[in-house]
């Protein structure tokens, strides 16, 4: 059968020290794991999508189809 993709949280740490502390905080890490599990159950993905922190210069998030990444802006984490 066809591969069912999943959202996966990247092991990459944010560059911003405040965002990195939040990314590693147990409650935030648990919320990210829960969110990815729910999103995976809701959406049928043809491939895995990695949720990764990224500096964006604004409070936002976006999908990069080339890298198959959902970039969660560090500014959003610290907002």
Protein backbone atom coordinates (compact mmCIF):
# COMPACT_ATOMS: atom_id res chain seq x y z
CA UNK A 1 0.00 0.00 0.00
CA UNK A 2 0.88 3.65 -0.20
CA UNK A 3 3.12 5.14 2.46
CA UNK A 4 1.17 7.15 4.99
CA UNK A 5 3.16 10.21 5.95
CA UNK A 6 3.32 11.75 9.40
CA UNK A 7 4.21 15.05 11.02
CA UNK A 8 7.44 14.66 12.98
CA UNK A 9 9.13 17.09 15.37
CA UNK A 10 12.72 17.86 14.38
CA UNK A 11 15.60 17.28 16.76
CA UNK A 12 17.00 20.66 15.67
CA UNK A 13 17.16 23.32 18.37
CA UNK A 14 16.18 26.92 17.65
CA UNK A 15 19.04 29.41 17.29
CA UNK A 16 17.43 31.99 19.57
CA UNK A 17 18.25 31.06 23.21
CA UNK A 18 14.75 31.97 24.44
CA UNK A 19 13.11 29.89 21.72
CA UNK A 20 15.53 27.01 22.42
CA UNK A 21 14.58 27.01 26.11
CA UNK A 22 10.89 26.90 25.19
CA UNK A 23 11.41 24.21 22.52
CA UNK A 24 13.02 21.98 25.16
CA UNK A 25 10.56 22.78 27.95
CA UNK A 26 8.71 19.55 28.82
CA UNK A 27 5.23 21.08 28.44
CA UNK A 28 6.05 22.63 25.06
CA UNK A 29 7.72 19.42 23.83
CA UNK A 30 4.66 17.44 24.92
CA UNK A 31 2.32 19.92 23.21
CA UNK A 32 4.33 19.65 19.97
CA UNK A 33 4.20 15.84 20.10
CA UNK A 34 0.45 15.93 20.75
CA UNK A 35 -0.14 18.46 17.97
CA UNK A 36 1.83 16.38 15.46
CA UNK A 37 -0.07 13.22 16.45
CA UNK A 38 -3.45 14.95 16.02
CA UNK A 39 -2.42 16.59 12.72
CA UNK A 40 -1.15 13.24 11.42
CA UNK A 41 -4.50 11.63 12.30
CA UNK A 42 -6.45 14.46 10.61
CA UNK A 43 -4.48 14.78 7.37
CA UNK A 44 -3.52 12.03 4.95
CA UNK A 45 0.03 12.91 3.95
CA UNK A 46 1.86 11.33 1.02
CA UNK A 47 5.18 11.75 2.84
CA UNK A 48 6.56 12.72 6.23
CA UNK A 49 6.62 16.42 7.11
CA UNK A 50 9.15 17.65 9.64
CA UNK A 51 8.12 20.39 12.07
CA UNK A 52 11.26 22.42 12.62
CA UNK A 53 12.13 25.70 14.33
CA UNK A 54 13.40 28.47 12.06
CA UNK A 55 14.23 32.16 12.39
CA UNK A 56 11.80 34.04 10.16
CA UNK A 57 11.99 37.67 11.26
CA UNK A 58 8.27 37.67 12.10
CA UNK A 59 5.65 35.79 14.13
CA UNK A 60 4.63 33.16 11.60
CA UNK A 61 5.03 29.64 10.32
CA UNK A 62 5.11 28.21 6.82
CA UNK A 63 5.45 25.05 4.78
CA UNK A 64 8.49 24.47 2.56
CA UNK A 65 7.42 21.92 -0.08
CA UNK A 66 10.98 21.38 -1.34
CA UNK A 67 12.30 20.36 2.08
CA UNK A 68 8.95 18.94 3.22
CA UNK A 69 9.18 21.00 6.39
CA UNK A 70 6.65 22.93 8.40
CA UNK A 71 8.76 25.77 9.73
CA UNK A 72 7.62 27.06 13.09
CA UNK A 73 9.10 30.53 13.43
CA UNK A 74 11.19 31.09 16.53
CA UNK A 75 9.45 34.45 16.90
CA UNK A 76 6.14 32.61 17.25
CA UNK A 77 7.60 30.48 20.04
CA UNK A 78 8.76 33.52 21.99
CA UNK A 79 5.64 35.62 21.31
